[in-house]
Amino acid sequence: MTEVTVKSNVCGFTHKVCGKMDGDKIIIDIDTPCKTIKGMSHMEVPMMDVSDIKDNYVMQKAQEAQCSVTCLVPCAVLHVCWMEAGMMSKSLAKEAGDVRIEFE
């Protein structure tokens, strides 16, 4: 299982994204106080459908939930999917610590 925390300081929400590989799908659950993200809080993501930025199951679900284009949660979901699918090293991600955008 892979877990990440998303601290969306601009909107004030903190989200917990959890994913677990199940056959050829990654089961994603998101614990969130955001009503928009709750609209995509449980997904069964096809493993083969997380590589393309445009034709992508997670981005489709984010669009259906009407996420803001600047929402960090869909990106976090994709990171979890990549780690669960073995396309990104969990140890490397843990060593990196976080990904962030700093406004100046």
Protein backbone atom coordinates (compact mmCIF):
# COMPACT_ATOMS: atom_id res chain seq x y z
CA MET A 1 0.00 0.00 0.00
CA THR A 2 1.14 3.53 -0.78
CA GLU A 3 0.01 6.57 1.16
CA VAL A 4 0.70 10.24 0.51
CA THR A 5 -0.52 13.41 2.17
CA VAL A 6 -1.46 16.43 0.09
CA LYS A 7 -1.33 19.76 1.89
CA SER A 8 -3.25 22.17 -0.30
CA ASN A 9 -2.28 25.36 1.53
CA VAL A 10 -3.98 27.63 -1.01
CA CYS A 11 -7.42 26.11 -0.39
CA GLY A 12 -6.65 25.08 3.19
CA PHE A 13 -7.35 21.35 2.83
CA THR A 14 -5.22 18.34 3.69
CA HIS A 15 -5.97 15.10 1.86
CA LYS A 16 -4.72 11.55 2.45
CA VAL A 17 -4.41 9.48 -0.74
CA CYS A 18 -4.05 5.70 -0.31
CA GLY A 19 -3.54 3.20 -3.10
CA LYS A 20 -3.17 -0.55 -3.33
CA MET A 21 -2.52 -2.74 -6.35
CA ASP A 22 -5.30 -5.27 -6.97
CA GLY A 23 -4.67 -7.36 -10.08
CA ASP A 24 -4.45 -4.99 -13.03
CA LYS A 25 -6.05 -2.07 -11.14
CA ILE A 26 -4.95 0.30 -8.43
CA ILE A 27 -7.61 0.91 -5.80
CA ILE A 28 -7.45 4.55 -4.68
CA ASP A 29 -9.19 5.97 -1.64
CA ILE A 30 -8.95 9.63 -0.64
CA ASP A 31 -9.71 10.88 2.86
CA THR A 32 -10.60 14.51 2.35
CA PRO A 33 -12.69 17.34 3.80
CA CYS A 34 -13.16 18.80 0.28
CA LYS A 35 -16.59 18.15 -1.23
CA THR A 36 -15.18 18.32 -4.77
CA ILE A 37 -12.49 15.73 -4.09
CA LYS A 38 -15.05 13.53 -2.34
CA GLY A 39 -16.56 13.17 -5.82
CA MET A 40 -13.50 11.18 -6.86
CA SER A 41 -12.59 9.70 -3.48
CA HIS A 42 -12.82 6.03 -4.52
CA MET A 43 -11.42 4.88 -7.84
CA GLU A 44 -10.40 1.62 -9.46
CA VAL A 45 -7.69 2.88 -11.76
CA PRO A 46 -6.66 0.61 -14.65
CA MET A 47 -2.87 0.22 -14.38
CA MET A 48 -2.41 0.70 -18.11
CA ASP A 49 -4.34 3.99 -18.05
CA VAL A 50 -2.01 6.23 -16.03
CA SER A 51 0.80 6.97 -18.48
CA ASP A 52 -0.74 9.56 -20.80
CA ILE A 53 -1.44 13.07 -19.48
CA LYS A 54 -4.44 13.59 -21.78
CA ASP A 55 -6.18 10.23 -22.05
CA ASN A 56 -5.91 9.27 -18.43
CA TYR A 57 -8.47 7.69 -16.07
CA VAL A 58 -7.48 9.88 -13.09
CA MET A 59 -7.68 13.12 -15.07
CA GLN A 60 -11.04 12.04 -16.50
CA LYS A 61 -12.38 11.47 -12.96
CA ALA A 62 -10.96 14.84 -11.83
CA GLN A 63 -12.73 16.51 -14.73
CA GLU A 64 -16.01 14.75 -13.91
CA ALA A 65 -15.70 15.88 -10.27
CA GLN A 66 -15.06 19.42 -11.56
CA CYS A 67 -11.71 19.81 -9.83
CA SER A 68 -9.91 23.08 -10.24
CA VAL A 69 -7.18 22.92 -12.88
CA THR A 70 -4.71 23.86 -10.13
CA CYS A 71 -5.78 21.09 -7.73
CA LEU A 72 -2.83 19.01 -6.53
CA VAL A 73 -4.85 15.89 -5.67
CA PRO A 74 -5.04 14.36 -9.18
CA CYS A 75 -1.26 14.66 -9.48
CA ALA A 76 -0.86 12.99 -6.07
CA VAL A 77 -3.18 10.17 -7.16
CA LEU A 78 -1.00 9.62 -10.23
CA HIS A 79 2.12 9.52 -8.06
CA VAL A 80 0.47 6.85 -5.88
CA CYS A 81 -0.54 4.87 -8.98
CA TRP A 82 2.98 5.02 -10.40
CA MET A 83 4.50 3.85 -7.12
CA GLU A 84 1.99 1.01 -6.75
CA ALA A 85 2.58 -0.07 -10.36
CA GLY A 86 6.36 -0.05 -9.84
CA MET A 87 6.91 2.78 -12.35
CA MET A 88 8.31 5.05 -9.62
CA SER A 89 10.54 3.97 -6.77
CA LYS A 90 8.84 4.19 -3.36
CA SER A 91 12.22 4.49 -1.65
CA LEU A 92 13.31 7.30 -4.00
CA ALA A 93 10.03 9.14 -3.40
CA LYS A 94 10.39 8.73 0.36
CA GLU A 95 14.00 9.95 0.17
CA ALA A 96 12.89 13.02 -1.83
CA GLY A 97 10.40 13.79 0.95
CA ASP A 98 7.96 16.00 -0.87
CA VAL A 99 7.03 17.79 -4.05
CA ARG A 100 6.04 21.42 -3.74
CA ILE A 101 5.26 24.63 -5.52
CA GLU A 102 6.63 27.73 -3.86
CA PHE A 103 5.02 31.08 -4.65
CA GLU A 104 7.36 34.05 -4.68
